[in-house]
Amino acid sequence: MKNLGPLLTALLVPIVVPIAMRALSRSAVSDHVPGRTSVELRYGVPMKVLGVLGLALGAFMLIWPVVLRPRGSPSFGPHPLLLLLFSGPIGCSMIFVFLDAFLVRHSVDLAGITCRSVFHRPFRFAWDEIKAVDYNAGMNWFVLRSMDGRVGRVSPYIAGIRTFAELSIAHLDRSVFTDLAWKRMGDAAAGEPA
């Protein structure tokens, strides 16, 4: 009974993660207004809740091995530095979810799209500057590439994705889309959750 935590985690994660992802995808397409010609894409409440949970868990994973771990605890033998090396990257990834949820937003209108990210300053793509649109299935986002080499990424879980998809389909030639990006963009325009 002492080691019930890992067992519960192993059982709950496969159940909770798909439910959370479904809530995110439904939230992203829920605020659609037909015929809208501009929208600010930003994450909704479900992603922000996940972001706050990610921040708390990520901070715990970074602090616990060094500061909060009880000294002489018989249940953990590894050195705190080894625990930090293991939990550090996971903790940093979870903190990134928080930053992503609160800092990432894009603006889409009839002229183009402005991309804002945690890692770069905002930049604007005019529709005629976009030379390729791909869909990265591993990371689960649309990848926009401009003629001058700039790259923007738009998550299908961000609120306003349906308007973004409609405007992308209306202003970009089919030839700039990969087959997967075209299918996913069509699904988003039709209001199908990711």
C-alpha atoms as a PDB file:
ATOM      1  CA  MET A   1       0.000   0.000   0.000  1.00  0.00           C
ATOM      2  CA  LYS A   2       2.984   2.369   0.480  1.00  0.00           C
ATOM      3  CA  ASN A   3       3.688   2.481  -3.276  1.00  0.00           C
ATOM      4  CA  LEU A   4       0.128   3.215  -4.341  1.00  0.00           C
ATOM      5  CA  GLY A   5       1.092   6.657  -5.780  1.00  0.00           C
ATOM      6  CA  PRO A   6       2.973   5.359  -8.856  1.00  0.00           C
ATOM      7  CA  LEU A   7       0.208   2.855  -9.564  1.00  0.00           C
ATOM      8  CA  LEU A   8      -2.499   5.519  -9.366  1.00  0.00           C
ATOM      9  CA  THR A   9      -0.428   7.809 -11.600  1.00  0.00           C
ATOM     10  CA  ALA A  10       0.019   5.040 -14.168  1.00  0.00           C
ATOM     11  CA  LEU A  11      -3.737   4.422 -14.174  1.00  0.00           C
ATOM     12  CA  LEU A  12      -4.934   8.040 -14.116  1.00  0.00           C
ATOM     13  CA  VAL A  13      -2.621   9.658 -16.699  1.00  0.00           C
ATOM     14  CA  PRO A  14      -4.025   7.672 -19.673  1.00  0.00           C
ATOM     15  CA  ILE A  15      -7.521   8.693 -18.572  1.00  0.00           C
ATOM     16  CA  VAL A  16      -6.953  12.352 -17.595  1.00  0.00           C
ATOM     17  CA  VAL A  17      -4.734  13.449 -20.508  1.00  0.00           C
ATOM     18  CA  PRO A  18      -7.217  12.568 -23.308  1.00  0.00           C
ATOM     19  CA  ILE A  19     -10.050  14.222 -21.381  1.00  0.00           C
ATOM     20  CA  ALA A  20      -7.955  17.398 -20.916  1.00  0.00           C
ATOM     21  CA  MET A  21      -6.965  17.448 -24.603  1.00  0.00           C
ATOM     22  CA  ARG A  22     -10.609  17.037 -25.650  1.00  0.00           C
ATOM     23  CA  ALA A  23     -11.622  19.951 -23.382  1.00  0.00           C
ATOM     24  CA  LEU A  24      -8.876  22.084 -24.947  1.00  0.00           C
ATOM     25  CA  SER A  25      -9.948  21.264 -28.491  1.00  0.00           C
ATOM     26  CA  ARG A  26     -13.628  21.949 -27.790  1.00  0.00           C
ATOM     27  CA  SER A  27     -12.727  25.245 -26.119  1.00  0.00           C
ATOM     28  CA  ALA A  28     -10.712  26.276 -29.203  1.00  0.00           C
ATOM     29  CA  VAL A  29     -13.642  26.011 -31.640  1.00  0.00           C
ATOM     30  CA  SER A  30     -16.430  27.121 -29.279  1.00  0.00           C
ATOM     31  CA  ASP A  31     -16.238  30.900 -29.715  1.00  0.00           C
ATOM     32  CA  HIS A  32     -16.670  30.978 -33.497  1.00  0.00           C
ATOM     33  CA  VAL A  33     -18.686  33.753 -35.146  1.00  0.00           C
ATOM     34  CA  PRO A  34     -19.428  33.017 -38.838  1.00  0.00           C
ATOM     35  CA  GLY A  35     -18.105  35.634 -41.242  1.00  0.00           C
ATOM     36  CA  ARG A  36     -15.645  37.158 -38.788  1.00  0.00           C
ATOM     37  CA  THR A  37     -12.777  38.831 -40.638  1.00  0.00           C
ATOM     38  CA  SER A  38     -10.358  39.269 -37.742  1.00  0.00           C
ATOM     39  CA  VAL A  39      -9.681  37.493 -34.498  1.00  0.00           C
ATOM     40  CA  GLU A  40      -7.111  37.361 -31.743  1.00  0.00           C
ATOM     41  CA  LEU A  41      -6.116  33.775 -31.130  1.00  0.00           C
ATOM     42  CA  ARG A  42      -5.331  33.059 -27.488  1.00  0.00           C
ATOM     43  CA  TYR A  43      -5.661  30.109 -25.177  1.00  0.00           C
ATOM     44  CA  GLY A  44      -8.878  29.774 -23.209  1.00  0.00           C
ATOM     45  CA  VAL A  45      -9.569  28.870 -19.607  1.00  0.00           C
ATOM     46  CA  PRO A  46      -8.852  25.095 -19.910  1.00  0.00           C
ATOM     47  CA  MET A  47      -5.314  25.760 -21.165  1.00  0.00           C
ATOM     48  CA  LYS A  48      -4.724  28.410 -18.525  1.00  0.00           C
ATOM     49  CA  VAL A  49      -5.809  25.988 -15.803  1.00  0.00           C
ATOM     50  CA  LEU A  50      -3.393  23.416 -17.221  1.00  0.00           C
ATOM     51  CA  GLY A  51      -0.719  26.118 -17.327  1.00  0.00           C
ATOM     52  CA  VAL A  52      -1.143  26.966 -13.647  1.00  0.00           C
ATOM     53  CA  LEU A  53      -1.084  23.270 -12.736  1.00  0.00           C
ATOM     54  CA  GLY A  54       2.005  22.845 -14.912  1.00  0.00           C
ATOM     55  CA  LEU A  55       3.716  25.763 -13.179  1.00  0.00           C
ATOM     56  CA  ALA A  56       2.992  24.334  -9.734  1.00  0.00           C
ATOM     57  CA  LEU A  57       4.053  20.812 -10.650  1.00  0.00           C
ATOM     58  CA  GLY A  58       7.094  22.011 -12.614  1.00  0.00           C
ATOM     59  CA  ALA A  59       8.286  24.202  -9.743  1.00  0.00           C
ATOM     60  CA  PHE A  60       7.787  21.310  -7.343  1.00  0.00           C
ATOM     61  CA  MET A  61       9.802  18.993  -9.584  1.00  0.00           C
ATOM     62  CA  LEU A  62      12.667  21.503  -9.658  1.00  0.00           C
ATOM     63  CA  ILE A  63      12.637  22.363  -5.956  1.00  0.00           C
ATOM     64  CA  TRP A  64      11.796  19.009  -4.359  1.00  0.00           C
ATOM     65  CA  PRO A  65      14.982  17.055  -5.134  1.00  0.00           C
ATOM     66  CA  VAL A  66      17.235  19.704  -3.635  1.00  0.00           C
ATOM     67  CA  VAL A  67      15.298  21.577  -0.971  1.00  0.00           C
ATOM     68  CA  LEU A  68      12.181  19.747   0.131  1.00  0.00           C
ATOM     69  CA  ARG A  69      13.367  16.143   0.047  1.00  0.00           C
ATOM     70  CA  PRO A  70      13.585  14.854   3.627  1.00  0.00           C
ATOM     71  CA  ARG A  71      17.175  14.160   4.615  1.00  0.00           C
ATOM     72  CA  GLY A  72      17.901  10.514   5.208  1.00  0.00           C
ATOM     73  CA  SER A  73      14.648   9.410   3.614  1.00  0.00           C
ATOM     74  CA  PRO A  74      14.814   5.632   3.228  1.00  0.00           C
ATOM     75  CA  SER A  75      12.432   5.649   0.249  1.00  0.00           C
ATOM     76  CA  PHE A  76      14.837   7.590  -1.993  1.00  0.00           C
ATOM     77  CA  GLY A  77      18.472   6.619  -2.196  1.00  0.00           C
ATOM     78  CA  PRO A  78      19.699   8.658  -5.187  1.00  0.00           C
ATOM     79  CA  HIS A  79      21.660  11.819  -4.720  1.00  0.00           C
ATOM     80  CA  PRO A  80      19.536  14.997  -5.059  1.00  0.00           C
ATOM     81  CA  LEU A  81      21.567  16.057  -8.106  1.00  0.00           C
ATOM     82  CA  LEU A  82      20.596  12.850  -9.925  1.00  0.00           C
ATOM     83  CA  LEU A  83      16.958  13.436  -9.069  1.00  0.00           C
ATOM     84  CA  LEU A  84      17.237  17.008 -10.363  1.00  0.00           C
ATOM     85  CA  LEU A  85      18.845  15.787 -13.603  1.00  0.00           C
ATOM     86  CA  PHE A  86      15.877  13.467 -14.094  1.00  0.00           C
ATOM     87  CA  SER A  87      13.079  15.773 -12.982  1.00  0.00           C
ATOM     88  CA  GLY A  88      14.609  19.065 -14.205  1.00  0.00           C
ATOM     89  CA  PRO A  89      13.771  18.749 -17.920  1.00  0.00           C
ATOM     90  CA  ILE A  90      10.247  17.545 -17.122  1.00  0.00           C
ATOM     91  CA  GLY A  91       9.764  20.394 -14.641  1.00  0.00           C
ATOM     92  CA  CYS A  92      11.017  22.966 -17.159  1.00  0.00           C
ATOM     93  CA  SER A  93       8.644  21.567 -19.797  1.00  0.00           C
ATOM     94  CA  MET A  94       5.728  21.943 -17.419  1.00  0.00           C
ATOM     95  CA  ILE A  95       6.694  25.546 -16.650  1.00  0.00           C
ATOM     96  CA  PHE A  96       6.796  26.152 -20.426  1.00  0.00           C
ATOM     97  CA  VAL A  97       3.123  25.060 -20.600  1.00  0.00           C
ATOM     98  CA  PHE A  98       2.331  27.924 -18.207  1.00  0.00           C
ATOM     99  CA  LEU A  99       4.302  30.449 -20.274  1.00  0.00           C
ATOM    100  CA  ASP A 100       2.690  29.179 -23.480  1.00  0.00           C
ATOM    101  CA  ALA A 101      -0.823  29.421 -22.027  1.00  0.00           C
ATOM    102  CA  PHE A 102      -0.443  33.026 -20.887  1.00  0.00           C
ATOM    103  CA  LEU A 103       1.989  34.605 -23.376  1.00  0.00           C
ATOM    104  CA  VAL A 104       1.217  33.084 -26.783  1.00  0.00           C
ATOM    105  CA  ARG A 105      -1.357  34.878 -28.901  1.00  0.00           C
ATOM    106  CA  HIS A 106      -1.755  35.587 -32.573  1.00  0.00           C
ATOM    107  CA  SER A 107      -3.825  38.085 -34.570  1.00  0.00           C
ATOM    108  CA  VAL A 108      -5.455  37.104 -37.847  1.00  0.00           C
ATOM    109  CA  ASP A 109      -7.234  39.416 -40.262  1.00  0.00           C
ATOM    110  CA  LEU A 110      -7.866  39.920 -43.968  1.00  0.00           C
ATOM    111  CA  ALA A 111      -4.272  41.133 -44.489  1.00  0.00           C
ATOM    112  CA  GLY A 112      -2.428  38.288 -42.734  1.00  0.00           C
ATOM    113  CA  ILE A 113      -1.351  36.909 -39.374  1.00  0.00           C
ATOM    114  CA  THR A 114       0.797  38.244 -36.558  1.00  0.00           C
ATOM    115  CA  CYS A 115       2.543  35.513 -34.552  1.00  0.00           C
ATOM    116  CA  ARG A 116       3.640  35.986 -30.948  1.00  0.00           C
ATOM    117  CA  SER A 117       5.586  33.343 -29.074  1.00  0.00           C
ATOM    118  CA  VAL A 118       7.487  32.765 -25.861  1.00  0.00           C
ATOM    119  CA  PHE A 119      10.705  32.470 -27.891  1.00  0.00           C
ATOM    120  CA  HIS A 120      10.547  35.370 -30.359  1.00  0.00           C
ATOM    121  CA  ARG A 121       9.260  38.879 -30.855  1.00  0.00           C
ATOM    122  CA  PRO A 122       5.965  39.315 -32.702  1.00  0.00           C
ATOM    123  CA  PHE A 123       6.206  39.270 -36.480  1.00  0.00           C
ATOM    124  CA  ARG A 124       3.674  39.608 -39.244  1.00  0.00           C
ATOM    125  CA  PHE A 125       3.006  37.417 -42.249  1.00  0.00           C
ATOM    126  CA  ALA A 126       0.998  38.928 -45.091  1.00  0.00           C
ATOM    127  CA  TRP A 127      -1.027  36.152 -46.734  1.00  0.00           C
ATOM    128  CA  ASP A 128       0.980  36.477 -49.956  1.00  0.00           C
ATOM    129  CA  GLU A 129       4.281  36.030 -48.035  1.00  0.00           C
ATOM    130  CA  ILE A 130       3.378  32.526 -46.855  1.00  0.00           C
ATOM    131  CA  LYS A 131       5.050  29.943 -49.078  1.00  0.00           C
ATOM    132  CA  ALA A 132       4.192  26.761 -47.136  1.00  0.00           C
ATOM    133  CA  VAL A 133       1.771  25.503 -44.498  1.00  0.00           C
ATOM    134  CA  ASP A 134       2.504  22.187 -42.843  1.00  0.00           C
ATOM    135  CA  TYR A 135       0.983  20.343 -39.904  1.00  0.00           C
ATOM    136  CA  ASN A 136       3.417  18.863 -37.390  1.00  0.00           C
ATOM    137  CA  ALA A 137       1.525  15.850 -36.050  1.00  0.00           C
ATOM    138  CA  GLY A 138       4.133  15.164 -33.359  1.00  0.00           C
ATOM    139  CA  MET A 139       3.917  18.637 -31.833  1.00  0.00           C
ATOM    140  CA  ASN A 140       0.296  19.093 -32.967  1.00  0.00           C
ATOM    141  CA  TRP A 141       0.504  22.537 -34.574  1.00  0.00           C
ATOM    142  CA  PHE A 142       0.295  24.290 -37.919  1.00  0.00           C
ATOM    143  CA  VAL A 143       3.664  25.493 -39.220  1.00  0.00           C
ATOM    144  CA  LEU A 144       3.626  28.581 -41.459  1.00  0.00           C
ATOM    145  CA  ARG A 145       6.775  29.351 -43.475  1.00  0.00           C
ATOM    146  CA  SER A 146       7.354  32.685 -45.155  1.00  0.00           C
ATOM    147  CA  MET A 147       9.408  33.392 -48.252  1.00  0.00           C
ATOM    148  CA  ASP A 148      12.111  35.079 -46.145  1.00  0.00           C
ATOM    149  CA  GLY A 149      12.520  32.073 -43.819  1.00  0.00           C
ATOM    150  CA  ARG A 150      10.423  33.121 -40.842  1.00  0.00           C
ATOM    151  CA  VAL A 151       8.426  30.355 -39.191  1.00  0.00           C
ATOM    152  CA  GLY A 152       5.204  30.722 -37.209  1.00  0.00           C
ATOM    153  CA  ARG A 153       3.398  27.986 -35.318  1.00  0.00           C
ATOM    154  CA  VAL A 154      -0.299  27.936 -34.458  1.00  0.00           C
ATOM    155  CA  SER A 155      -1.799  25.342 -32.136  1.00  0.00           C
ATOM    156  CA  PRO A 156      -5.199  23.853 -32.987  1.00  0.00           C
ATOM    157  CA  TYR A 157      -6.029  24.187 -29.265  1.00  0.00           C
ATOM    158  CA  ILE A 158      -5.954  27.996 -29.315  1.00  0.00           C
ATOM    159  CA  ALA A 159      -9.283  29.847 -29.242  1.00  0.00           C
ATOM    160  CA  GLY A 160     -10.092  31.398 -32.604  1.00  0.00           C
ATOM    161  CA  ILE A 161      -8.603  28.512 -34.606  1.00  0.00           C
ATOM    162  CA  ARG A 162     -11.782  28.152 -36.649  1.00  0.00           C
ATOM    163  CA  THR A 163     -11.618  31.739 -37.937  1.00  0.00           C
ATOM    164  CA  PHE A 164      -7.879  31.323 -38.571  1.00  0.00           C
ATOM    165  CA  ALA A 165      -8.603  28.208 -40.636  1.00  0.00           C
ATOM    166  CA  GLU A 166     -11.377  29.898 -42.627  1.00  0.00           C
ATOM    167  CA  LEU A 167      -9.178  32.903 -43.442  1.00  0.00           C
ATOM    168  CA  SER A 168      -6.200  30.673 -44.310  1.00  0.00           C
ATOM    169  CA  ILE A 169      -8.275  28.609 -46.733  1.00  0.00           C
ATOM    170  CA  ALA A 170      -9.776  31.759 -48.275  1.00  0.00           C
ATOM    171  CA  HIS A 171      -6.463  33.610 -48.744  1.00  0.00           C
ATOM    172  CA  LEU A 172      -3.898  30.894 -49.449  1.00  0.00           C
ATOM    173  CA  ASP A 173      -3.626  28.767 -52.544  1.00  0.00           C
ATOM    174  CA  ARG A 174      -4.170  25.037 -52.008  1.00  0.00           C
ATOM    175  CA  SER A 175      -0.645  24.385 -53.338  1.00  0.00           C
ATOM    176  CA  VAL A 176       1.038  25.910 -50.247  1.00  0.00           C
ATOM    177  CA  PHE A 177      -0.586  23.328 -47.951  1.00  0.00           C
ATOM    178  CA  THR A 178       0.713  19.828 -47.391  1.00  0.00           C
ATOM    179  CA  ASP A 179      -2.037  17.202 -47.613  1.00  0.00           C
ATOM    180  CA  LEU A 180      -2.149  16.768 -43.833  1.00  0.00           C
ATOM    181  CA  ALA A 181      -2.213  20.542 -43.232  1.00  0.00           C
ATOM    182  CA  TRP A 182      -5.038  20.931 -45.753  1.00  0.00           C
ATOM    183  CA  LYS A 183      -7.079  18.197 -44.067  1.00  0.00           C
ATOM    184  CA  ARG A 184      -6.479  19.563 -40.562  1.00  0.00           C
ATOM    185  CA  MET A 185      -7.209  23.132 -41.718  1.00  0.00           C
ATOM    186  CA  GLY A 186     -10.473  21.921 -43.289  1.00  0.00           C
ATOM    187  CA  ASP A 187     -11.390  20.111 -40.086  1.00  0.00           C
ATOM    188  CA  ALA A 188     -10.683  23.266 -38.047  1.00  0.00           C
ATOM    189  CA  ALA A 189     -12.735  25.429 -40.455  1.00  0.00           C
ATOM    190  CA  ALA A 190     -15.639  22.987 -40.129  1.00  0.00           C
ATOM    191  CA  GLY A 191     -15.475  23.227 -36.309  1.00  0.00           C
ATOM    192  CA  GLU A 192     -14.104  19.734 -35.784  1.00  0.00           C
ATOM    193  CA  PRO A 193     -12.103  19.604 -32.537  1.00  0.00           C
ATOM    194  CA  ALA A 194      -8.428  18.690 -32.920  1.00  0.00           C
END
